[in-house]
């Protein structure tokens, strides 16, 4: 991914008081706290750390005070990018933050990236609506992929965006 020496995406603007930056290892505890506020089965600080150490990119929208309002972890394999995690803090939801985060990341991908992939819980209506709004299409389903709080499982929808 194209980044400046400061870890910012090129041409990133401040969106509603938020600045897009690449997360660093010291952010892992804050990322895990954000994930706990956003997901029923959140990533741990160790999972964020391991993801970054393995070469995945973790982008955050940071407030003027330095808090993390949203994050997105992506992994590149050949000519595809997979979105591994997206989380938006409760106080920043329904303001276009998730859409802005993803749009800025996608617009900064190298020209040779042809497609973005992700999977989303079938029950995640807000996430599905966001991805459809961004132009993703549903390509398939993984049965019983995600664990649910009650011990049962739910399907994952496979989605892709051709760039």
N, C-alpha and C. Protein backbone atom coordinates (compact mmCIF):
# COMPACT_ATOMS: atom_id res chain seq x y z
N UNK A 1 0.84 -1.17 0.00
CA UNK A 1 0.00 0.00 0.00
C UNK A 1 0.89 1.23 0.00
N UNK A 2 0.41 2.24 -0.64
CA UNK A 2 1.19 3.47 -0.74
C UNK A 2 0.99 4.31 0.50
N UNK A 3 2.06 4.55 1.24
CA UNK A 3 1.98 5.40 2.42
C UNK A 3 3.11 6.40 2.40
N UNK A 4 2.90 7.47 3.11
CA UNK A 4 3.97 8.45 3.27
C UNK A 4 4.87 7.99 4.40
N UNK A 5 6.04 8.58 4.57
CA UNK A 5 6.93 8.19 5.66
C UNK A 5 6.27 8.33 7.04
N UNK A 6 5.26 9.18 7.16
CA UNK A 6 4.60 9.37 8.46
C UNK A 6 3.60 8.28 8.76
N UNK A 7 3.33 7.37 7.79
CA UNK A 7 2.35 6.32 8.00
C UNK A 7 0.95 6.74 7.62
N UNK A 8 0.78 7.92 7.04
CA UNK A 8 -0.52 8.38 6.59
C UNK A 8 -0.72 7.95 5.14
N UNK A 9 -1.97 7.70 4.77
CA UNK A 9 -2.25 7.47 3.36
C UNK A 9 -2.10 8.79 2.63
N UNK A 10 -1.60 8.76 1.39
CA UNK A 10 -1.47 10.00 0.66
C UNK A 10 -2.85 10.62 0.41
N UNK A 11 -2.91 11.93 0.42
CA UNK A 11 -4.12 12.67 0.16
C UNK A 11 -5.22 12.39 1.17
N UNK A 12 -4.89 11.88 2.35
CA UNK A 12 -5.94 11.62 3.34
C UNK A 12 -6.35 12.95 3.96
N UNK A 13 -7.63 13.17 3.98
CA UNK A 13 -8.19 14.38 4.56
C UNK A 13 -8.72 14.06 5.94
N UNK A 14 -8.86 15.08 6.75
CA UNK A 14 -9.51 14.89 8.03
C UNK A 14 -11.00 14.79 7.77
N UNK A 15 -11.64 13.73 8.22
CA UNK A 15 -13.06 13.49 8.05
C UNK A 15 -13.73 13.68 9.40
N UNK A 16 -14.61 14.63 9.50
CA UNK A 16 -15.32 14.91 10.74
C UNK A 16 -14.40 14.88 11.97
N UNK A 17 -13.26 15.51 11.85
CA UNK A 17 -12.34 15.57 12.98
C UNK A 17 -11.47 14.33 13.15
N UNK A 18 -11.43 13.48 12.13
CA UNK A 18 -10.66 12.23 12.20
C UNK A 18 -9.56 12.26 11.15
N UNK A 19 -8.41 11.67 11.50
CA UNK A 19 -7.28 11.58 10.58
C UNK A 19 -6.95 10.11 10.37
N UNK A 20 -6.75 9.72 9.13
CA UNK A 20 -6.41 8.34 8.79
C UNK A 20 -4.92 8.12 8.93
N UNK A 21 -4.56 7.12 9.72
CA UNK A 21 -3.15 6.78 9.97
C UNK A 21 -2.99 5.27 9.98
N UNK A 22 -1.77 4.83 9.78
CA UNK A 22 -1.46 3.41 9.95
C UNK A 22 -1.23 3.17 11.44
N UNK A 23 -1.87 2.15 11.97
CA UNK A 23 -1.69 1.81 13.39
C UNK A 23 -0.29 1.23 13.60
N UNK A 24 0.16 1.30 14.83
CA UNK A 24 1.46 0.76 15.22
C UNK A 24 1.26 -0.21 16.38
N UNK A 25 2.27 -0.99 16.68
CA UNK A 25 2.16 -2.00 17.74
C UNK A 25 1.69 -1.41 19.08
N UNK A 26 2.10 -0.21 19.48
CA UNK A 26 1.60 0.33 20.74
C UNK A 26 0.08 0.59 20.76
N UNK A 27 -0.56 0.55 19.58
CA UNK A 27 -2.01 0.75 19.49
C UNK A 27 -2.81 -0.52 19.76
N UNK A 28 -2.16 -1.66 19.90
CA UNK A 28 -2.88 -2.94 19.96
C UNK A 28 -3.88 -3.03 21.12
N UNK A 29 -3.54 -2.51 22.29
CA UNK A 29 -4.49 -2.55 23.40
C UNK A 29 -5.73 -1.71 23.10
N UNK A 30 -5.54 -0.53 22.52
CA UNK A 30 -6.66 0.33 22.16
C UNK A 30 -7.50 -0.30 21.04
N UNK A 31 -6.84 -0.98 20.11
CA UNK A 31 -7.57 -1.67 19.05
C UNK A 31 -8.43 -2.79 19.62
N UNK A 32 -7.90 -3.53 20.57
CA UNK A 32 -8.66 -4.60 21.21
C UNK A 32 -9.85 -4.03 21.98
N UNK A 33 -9.65 -2.90 22.63
CA UNK A 33 -10.76 -2.25 23.35
C UNK A 33 -11.84 -1.82 22.36
N UNK A 34 -11.44 -1.25 21.24
CA UNK A 34 -12.39 -0.88 20.19
C UNK A 34 -13.15 -2.12 19.70
N UNK A 35 -12.43 -3.19 19.45
CA UNK A 35 -13.05 -4.42 18.96
C UNK A 35 -14.08 -4.96 19.95
N UNK A 36 -13.78 -4.86 21.25
CA UNK A 36 -14.75 -5.33 22.27
C UNK A 36 -16.03 -4.51 22.22
N UNK A 37 -15.94 -3.25 21.84
CA UNK A 37 -17.14 -2.40 21.76
C UNK A 37 -17.91 -2.63 20.47
N UNK A 38 -17.30 -3.33 19.51
CA UNK A 38 -17.92 -3.46 18.19
C UNK A 38 -18.33 -4.88 17.81
N UNK A 39 -17.72 -5.88 18.40
CA UNK A 39 -17.93 -7.26 17.95
C UNK A 39 -18.30 -8.19 19.10
N UNK A 40 -19.08 -9.22 18.79
CA UNK A 40 -19.40 -10.22 19.80
C UNK A 40 -18.23 -11.16 20.06
N UNK A 41 -17.37 -11.35 19.08
CA UNK A 41 -16.17 -12.18 19.22
C UNK A 41 -14.97 -11.34 18.73
N UNK A 42 -14.53 -10.39 19.56
CA UNK A 42 -13.52 -9.42 19.13
C UNK A 42 -12.12 -10.01 19.07
N UNK A 43 -11.28 -9.35 18.26
CA UNK A 43 -9.87 -9.68 18.25
C UNK A 43 -9.26 -9.21 19.56
N UNK A 44 -8.23 -9.92 19.99
CA UNK A 44 -7.47 -9.53 21.18
C UNK A 44 -6.30 -8.63 20.75
N UNK A 45 -5.67 -8.01 21.74
CA UNK A 45 -4.47 -7.20 21.45
C UNK A 45 -3.41 -8.08 20.78
N UNK A 46 -3.28 -9.32 21.22
CA UNK A 46 -2.32 -10.23 20.62
C UNK A 46 -2.63 -10.55 19.17
N UNK A 47 -3.92 -10.64 18.84
CA UNK A 47 -4.28 -10.90 17.45
C UNK A 47 -3.96 -9.70 16.56
N UNK A 48 -4.21 -8.49 17.06
CA UNK A 48 -3.83 -7.30 16.28
C UNK A 48 -2.31 -7.25 16.12
N UNK A 49 -1.59 -7.53 17.20
CA UNK A 49 -0.13 -7.50 17.15
C UNK A 49 0.38 -8.53 16.13
N UNK A 50 -0.12 -9.75 16.22
CA UNK A 50 0.30 -10.80 15.30
C UNK A 50 -0.03 -10.46 13.85
N UNK A 51 -1.17 -9.85 13.64
CA UNK A 51 -1.57 -9.46 12.30
C UNK A 51 -0.60 -8.42 11.73
N UNK A 52 -0.28 -7.41 12.53
CA UNK A 52 0.66 -6.38 12.07
C UNK A 52 2.05 -6.96 11.85
N UNK A 53 2.47 -7.83 12.76
CA UNK A 53 3.81 -8.43 12.64
C UNK A 53 3.92 -9.33 11.42
N UNK A 54 2.78 -9.89 10.97
CA UNK A 54 2.81 -10.75 9.79
C UNK A 54 2.71 -9.96 8.49
N UNK A 55 2.62 -8.62 8.59
CA UNK A 55 2.62 -7.79 7.40
C UNK A 55 1.29 -7.22 6.98
N UNK A 56 0.23 -7.52 7.73
CA UNK A 56 -1.06 -6.91 7.41
C UNK A 56 -1.02 -5.43 7.75
N UNK A 57 -1.82 -4.65 7.06
CA UNK A 57 -1.90 -3.21 7.32
C UNK A 57 -3.13 -2.94 8.18
N UNK A 58 -2.95 -2.19 9.23
CA UNK A 58 -4.05 -1.80 10.10
C UNK A 58 -4.16 -0.28 10.05
N UNK A 59 -5.27 0.19 9.49
CA UNK A 59 -5.51 1.62 9.37
C UNK A 59 -6.51 2.05 10.42
N UNK A 60 -6.30 3.23 10.96
CA UNK A 60 -7.20 3.76 11.99
C UNK A 60 -7.60 5.19 11.64
N UNK A 61 -8.80 5.53 12.06
CA UNK A 61 -9.21 6.93 12.11
C UNK A 61 -8.96 7.36 13.54
N UNK A 62 -8.10 8.35 13.70
CA UNK A 62 -7.74 8.84 15.02
C UNK A 62 -8.36 10.22 15.23
N UNK A 63 -8.88 10.45 16.45
CA UNK A 63 -9.44 11.75 16.78
C UNK A 63 -8.32 12.75 17.04
N UNK A 64 -8.68 14.00 17.12
CA UNK A 64 -7.70 15.04 17.44
C UNK A 64 -7.05 14.79 18.79
N UNK A 65 -7.75 14.09 19.69
CA UNK A 65 -7.21 13.77 21.02
C UNK A 65 -6.36 12.51 21.01
N UNK A 66 -6.28 11.81 19.89
CA UNK A 66 -5.46 10.61 19.78
C UNK A 66 -6.19 9.30 19.97
N UNK A 67 -7.49 9.35 20.29
CA UNK A 67 -8.27 8.12 20.45
C UNK A 67 -8.54 7.50 19.08
N UNK A 68 -8.73 6.19 19.07
CA UNK A 68 -9.05 5.48 17.83
C UNK A 68 -10.56 5.38 17.71
N UNK A 69 -11.10 5.97 16.64
CA UNK A 69 -12.54 5.97 16.40
C UNK A 69 -12.97 4.80 15.53
N UNK A 70 -12.07 4.29 14.69
CA UNK A 70 -12.39 3.19 13.78
C UNK A 70 -11.09 2.57 13.30
N UNK A 71 -11.20 1.30 12.88
CA UNK A 71 -10.02 0.63 12.33
C UNK A 71 -10.43 -0.33 11.22
N UNK A 72 -9.46 -0.64 10.38
CA UNK A 72 -9.65 -1.63 9.32
C UNK A 72 -8.31 -2.33 9.11
N UNK A 73 -8.33 -3.65 9.16
CA UNK A 73 -7.14 -4.46 8.91
C UNK A 73 -7.29 -5.12 7.54
N UNK A 74 -6.27 -4.97 6.71
CA UNK A 74 -6.30 -5.56 5.37
C UNK A 74 -5.04 -6.37 5.13
N UNK A 75 -5.19 -7.38 4.28
CA UNK A 75 -4.09 -8.24 3.89
C UNK A 75 -4.06 -8.31 2.37
N UNK A 76 -2.87 -8.15 1.82
CA UNK A 76 -2.74 -8.24 0.36
C UNK A 76 -2.12 -9.58 -0.01
N UNK A 77 -2.73 -10.24 -0.98
CA UNK A 77 -2.19 -11.46 -1.56
C UNK A 77 -2.29 -11.31 -3.08
N UNK A 78 -1.16 -11.21 -3.72
CA UNK A 78 -1.07 -11.03 -5.16
C UNK A 78 -1.87 -9.79 -5.58
N UNK A 79 -2.91 -9.97 -6.41
CA UNK A 79 -3.65 -8.81 -6.91
C UNK A 79 -4.97 -8.60 -6.17
N UNK A 80 -5.08 -9.15 -4.97
CA UNK A 80 -6.30 -9.00 -4.17
C UNK A 80 -5.95 -8.49 -2.77
N UNK A 81 -6.89 -7.78 -2.20
CA UNK A 81 -6.80 -7.32 -0.82
C UNK A 81 -8.00 -7.91 -0.09
N UNK A 82 -7.75 -8.48 1.08
CA UNK A 82 -8.85 -8.99 1.90
C UNK A 82 -9.01 -8.11 3.13
N UNK A 83 -10.23 -7.70 3.39
CA UNK A 83 -10.55 -6.96 4.60
C UNK A 83 -10.74 -8.01 5.70
N UNK A 84 -9.90 -7.95 6.72
CA UNK A 84 -9.92 -8.94 7.80
C UNK A 84 -10.74 -8.48 9.00
N UNK A 85 -10.79 -7.18 9.23
CA UNK A 85 -11.48 -6.65 10.41
C UNK A 85 -11.84 -5.20 10.15
N UNK A 86 -13.06 -4.84 10.53
CA UNK A 86 -13.50 -3.45 10.51
C UNK A 86 -14.24 -3.21 11.82
N UNK A 87 -13.92 -2.13 12.50
CA UNK A 87 -14.62 -1.79 13.75
C UNK A 87 -14.75 -0.27 13.83
N UNK A 88 -15.92 0.18 14.27
CA UNK A 88 -16.17 1.60 14.50
C UNK A 88 -16.69 1.74 15.92
N UNK A 89 -16.11 2.68 16.67
CA UNK A 89 -16.54 2.91 18.05
C UNK A 89 -18.00 3.34 18.07
N UNK A 90 -18.73 2.91 19.10
CA UNK A 90 -20.18 3.22 19.15
C UNK A 90 -20.51 4.69 18.96
N UNK A 91 -19.73 5.58 19.54
CA UNK A 91 -20.05 7.01 19.43
C UNK A 91 -19.78 7.59 18.04
N UNK A 92 -19.14 6.83 17.16
CA UNK A 92 -18.84 7.29 15.81
C UNK A 92 -19.69 6.60 14.75
N UNK A 93 -20.56 5.70 15.15
CA UNK A 93 -21.39 4.97 14.19
C UNK A 93 -22.49 5.86 13.62
N UNK A 94 -22.95 5.49 12.45
CA UNK A 94 -24.04 6.18 11.74
C UNK A 94 -23.68 7.62 11.36
N UNK A 95 -22.39 7.86 11.14
CA UNK A 95 -21.90 9.17 10.71
C UNK A 95 -21.12 9.08 9.40
N UNK A 96 -21.09 7.91 8.79
CA UNK A 96 -20.33 7.73 7.56
C UNK A 96 -18.87 7.42 7.78
N UNK A 97 -18.49 7.17 9.03
CA UNK A 97 -17.09 6.92 9.35
C UNK A 97 -16.60 5.62 8.71
N UNK A 98 -17.38 4.55 8.82
CA UNK A 98 -16.97 3.27 8.23
C UNK A 98 -16.80 3.38 6.72
N UNK A 99 -17.76 4.03 6.06
CA UNK A 99 -17.68 4.20 4.61
C UNK A 99 -16.46 5.04 4.24
N UNK A 100 -16.23 6.13 4.95
CA UNK A 100 -15.08 6.99 4.66
C UNK A 100 -13.77 6.24 4.86
N UNK A 101 -13.68 5.46 5.92
CA UNK A 101 -12.47 4.68 6.20
C UNK A 101 -12.18 3.74 5.04
N UNK A 102 -13.18 2.97 4.64
CA UNK A 102 -12.97 2.00 3.57
C UNK A 102 -12.69 2.69 2.23
N UNK A 103 -13.42 3.76 1.93
CA UNK A 103 -13.20 4.46 0.66
C UNK A 103 -11.79 5.02 0.57
N UNK A 104 -11.29 5.59 1.66
CA UNK A 104 -9.92 6.13 1.62
C UNK A 104 -8.90 5.02 1.44
N UNK A 105 -9.09 3.90 2.11
CA UNK A 105 -8.16 2.78 1.96
C UNK A 105 -8.21 2.26 0.53
N UNK A 106 -9.41 2.01 0.01
CA UNK A 106 -9.54 1.44 -1.33
C UNK A 106 -9.00 2.39 -2.40
N UNK A 107 -9.19 3.68 -2.23
CA UNK A 107 -8.72 4.62 -3.24
C UNK A 107 -7.20 4.74 -3.24
N UNK A 108 -6.56 4.27 -2.18
CA UNK A 108 -5.10 4.35 -2.09
C UNK A 108 -4.40 3.04 -2.41
N UNK A 109 -5.17 2.03 -2.80
CA UNK A 109 -4.55 0.75 -3.16
C UNK A 109 -3.76 0.90 -4.44
N UNK A 110 -2.67 0.15 -4.57
CA UNK A 110 -1.90 0.19 -5.82
C UNK A 110 -2.76 -0.20 -7.02
N UNK A 111 -2.40 0.29 -8.19
CA UNK A 111 -3.18 0.05 -9.40
C UNK A 111 -3.30 -1.43 -9.76
N UNK A 112 -2.35 -2.25 -9.33
CA UNK A 112 -2.40 -3.66 -9.71
C UNK A 112 -3.32 -4.49 -8.82
N UNK A 113 -3.95 -3.88 -7.82
CA UNK A 113 -4.94 -4.59 -7.02
C UNK A 113 -6.25 -4.58 -7.79
N UNK A 114 -6.77 -5.78 -8.09
CA UNK A 114 -7.95 -5.92 -8.95
C UNK A 114 -9.24 -6.12 -8.16
N UNK A 115 -9.13 -6.61 -6.93
CA UNK A 115 -10.35 -6.97 -6.21
C UNK A 115 -10.14 -6.90 -4.71
N UNK A 116 -11.21 -6.54 -4.00
CA UNK A 116 -11.23 -6.54 -2.54
C UNK A 116 -12.22 -7.61 -2.11
N UNK A 117 -11.81 -8.43 -1.15
CA UNK A 117 -12.64 -9.51 -0.64
C UNK A 117 -12.94 -9.28 0.83
N UNK A 118 -14.07 -9.80 1.30
CA UNK A 118 -14.37 -9.80 2.73
C UNK A 118 -15.45 -10.83 3.00
N UNK A 119 -15.62 -11.11 4.27
CA UNK A 119 -16.75 -11.94 4.70
C UNK A 119 -17.41 -11.19 5.85
N UNK A 120 -18.73 -11.34 5.94
CA UNK A 120 -19.51 -10.62 6.93
C UNK A 120 -20.57 -11.56 7.49
N UNK A 121 -20.87 -11.40 8.76
CA UNK A 121 -21.93 -12.20 9.37
C UNK A 121 -23.24 -11.96 8.61
N UNK A 122 -23.97 -13.03 8.36
CA UNK A 122 -25.25 -12.89 7.67
C UNK A 122 -26.20 -11.98 8.44
N UNK A 123 -26.08 -11.95 9.76
CA UNK A 123 -26.97 -11.13 10.60
C UNK A 123 -26.53 -9.67 10.69
N UNK A 124 -25.38 -9.33 10.16
CA UNK A 124 -24.84 -7.97 10.27
C UNK A 124 -25.45 -7.09 9.17
N UNK A 125 -26.66 -6.64 9.40
CA UNK A 125 -27.38 -5.86 8.38
C UNK A 125 -26.70 -4.54 8.09
N UNK A 126 -26.19 -3.87 9.12
CA UNK A 126 -25.53 -2.58 8.91
C UNK A 126 -24.27 -2.77 8.07
N UNK A 127 -23.47 -3.79 8.38
CA UNK A 127 -22.27 -4.07 7.61
C UNK A 127 -22.60 -4.43 6.17
N UNK A 128 -23.58 -5.28 5.98
CA UNK A 128 -23.97 -5.68 4.63
C UNK A 128 -24.45 -4.48 3.83
N UNK A 129 -25.23 -3.60 4.45
CA UNK A 129 -25.72 -2.40 3.76
C UNK A 129 -24.54 -1.50 3.36
N UNK A 130 -23.59 -1.34 4.26
CA UNK A 130 -22.41 -0.53 3.96
C UNK A 130 -21.65 -1.11 2.77
N UNK A 131 -21.40 -2.41 2.79
CA UNK A 131 -20.63 -3.02 1.72
C UNK A 131 -21.36 -2.93 0.39
N UNK A 132 -22.68 -3.13 0.40
CA UNK A 132 -23.45 -2.96 -0.84
C UNK A 132 -23.36 -1.53 -1.34
N UNK A 133 -23.45 -0.56 -0.42
CA UNK A 133 -23.35 0.87 -0.78
C UNK A 133 -22.01 1.16 -1.45
N UNK A 134 -20.95 0.48 -1.00
CA UNK A 134 -19.62 0.68 -1.57
C UNK A 134 -19.41 -0.08 -2.87
N UNK A 135 -20.40 -0.89 -3.28
CA UNK A 135 -20.31 -1.60 -4.55
C UNK A 135 -19.95 -3.06 -4.46
N UNK A 136 -19.88 -3.62 -3.27
CA UNK A 136 -19.59 -5.05 -3.12
C UNK A 136 -20.77 -5.88 -3.60
N UNK A 137 -20.47 -7.06 -4.11
CA UNK A 137 -21.52 -8.02 -4.46
C UNK A 137 -21.33 -9.27 -3.60
N UNK A 138 -22.43 -9.98 -3.37
CA UNK A 138 -22.38 -11.23 -2.60
C UNK A 138 -22.02 -12.35 -3.56
N UNK A 139 -20.97 -13.09 -3.19
CA UNK A 139 -20.46 -14.15 -4.06
C UNK A 139 -20.75 -15.55 -3.55
N UNK A 140 -21.07 -15.68 -2.29
CA UNK A 140 -21.29 -17.02 -1.74
C UNK A 140 -21.55 -16.95 -0.25
N UNK A 141 -21.55 -18.13 0.36
CA UNK A 141 -21.88 -18.25 1.76
C UNK A 141 -21.05 -19.37 2.37
N UNK A 142 -20.54 -19.14 3.57
CA UNK A 142 -19.88 -20.18 4.35
C UNK A 142 -20.83 -20.56 5.48
N UNK A 143 -21.34 -21.75 5.42
CA UNK A 143 -22.31 -22.22 6.42
C UNK A 143 -21.65 -22.36 7.79
N UNK A 144 -22.35 -21.89 8.81
CA UNK A 144 -21.93 -22.08 10.21
C UNK A 144 -20.50 -21.60 10.47
N UNK A 145 -20.11 -20.50 9.89
CA UNK A 145 -18.74 -20.01 9.96
C UNK A 145 -18.44 -19.27 11.26
N UNK A 146 -19.32 -18.38 11.65
CA UNK A 146 -19.08 -17.53 12.82
C UNK A 146 -19.73 -18.10 14.08
N UNK A 147 -19.03 -18.07 15.21
CA UNK A 147 -19.67 -18.46 16.47
C UNK A 147 -20.62 -17.36 16.94
N UNK A 148 -21.69 -17.78 17.59
CA UNK A 148 -22.64 -16.83 18.17
C UNK A 148 -22.53 -16.89 19.69
N UNK A 149 -23.02 -15.87 20.35
CA UNK A 149 -22.93 -15.78 21.81
C UNK A 149 -23.63 -16.94 22.50
N UNK A 150 -24.68 -17.48 21.90
CA UNK A 150 -25.43 -18.58 22.52
C UNK A 150 -24.82 -19.95 22.27
N UNK A 151 -23.65 -20.00 21.61
CA UNK A 151 -22.98 -21.26 21.35
C UNK A 151 -23.30 -21.85 19.99
N UNK A 152 -24.30 -21.33 19.31
CA UNK A 152 -24.61 -21.82 17.97
C UNK A 152 -23.69 -21.13 16.96
N UNK A 153 -23.94 -21.33 15.69
CA UNK A 153 -23.11 -20.75 14.63
C UNK A 153 -23.99 -20.02 13.63
N UNK A 154 -23.39 -19.10 12.88
CA UNK A 154 -24.12 -18.42 11.82
C UNK A 154 -23.27 -18.35 10.57
N UNK A 155 -23.94 -18.16 9.45
CA UNK A 155 -23.27 -18.14 8.15
C UNK A 155 -22.49 -16.85 7.95
N UNK A 156 -21.45 -16.95 7.14
CA UNK A 156 -20.71 -15.79 6.65
C UNK A 156 -21.07 -15.60 5.19
N UNK A 157 -21.31 -14.36 4.80
CA UNK A 157 -21.52 -14.03 3.41
C UNK A 157 -20.18 -13.59 2.83
N UNK A 158 -19.82 -14.15 1.68
CA UNK A 158 -18.59 -13.79 0.99
C UNK A 158 -18.93 -12.67 0.01
N UNK A 159 -18.16 -11.60 0.08
CA UNK A 159 -18.43 -10.45 -0.77
C UNK A 159 -17.16 -10.00 -1.46
N UNK A 160 -17.32 -9.38 -2.62
CA UNK A 160 -16.15 -8.88 -3.34
C UNK A 160 -16.50 -7.56 -4.04
N UNK A 161 -15.45 -6.80 -4.27
CA UNK A 161 -15.54 -5.52 -4.98
C UNK A 161 -14.47 -5.53 -6.06
N UNK A 162 -14.89 -5.42 -7.31
CA UNK A 162 -13.96 -5.34 -8.41
C UNK A 162 -13.54 -3.88 -8.53
N UNK A 163 -12.23 -3.64 -8.53
CA UNK A 163 -11.72 -2.25 -8.61
C UNK A 163 -11.48 -1.84 -10.05
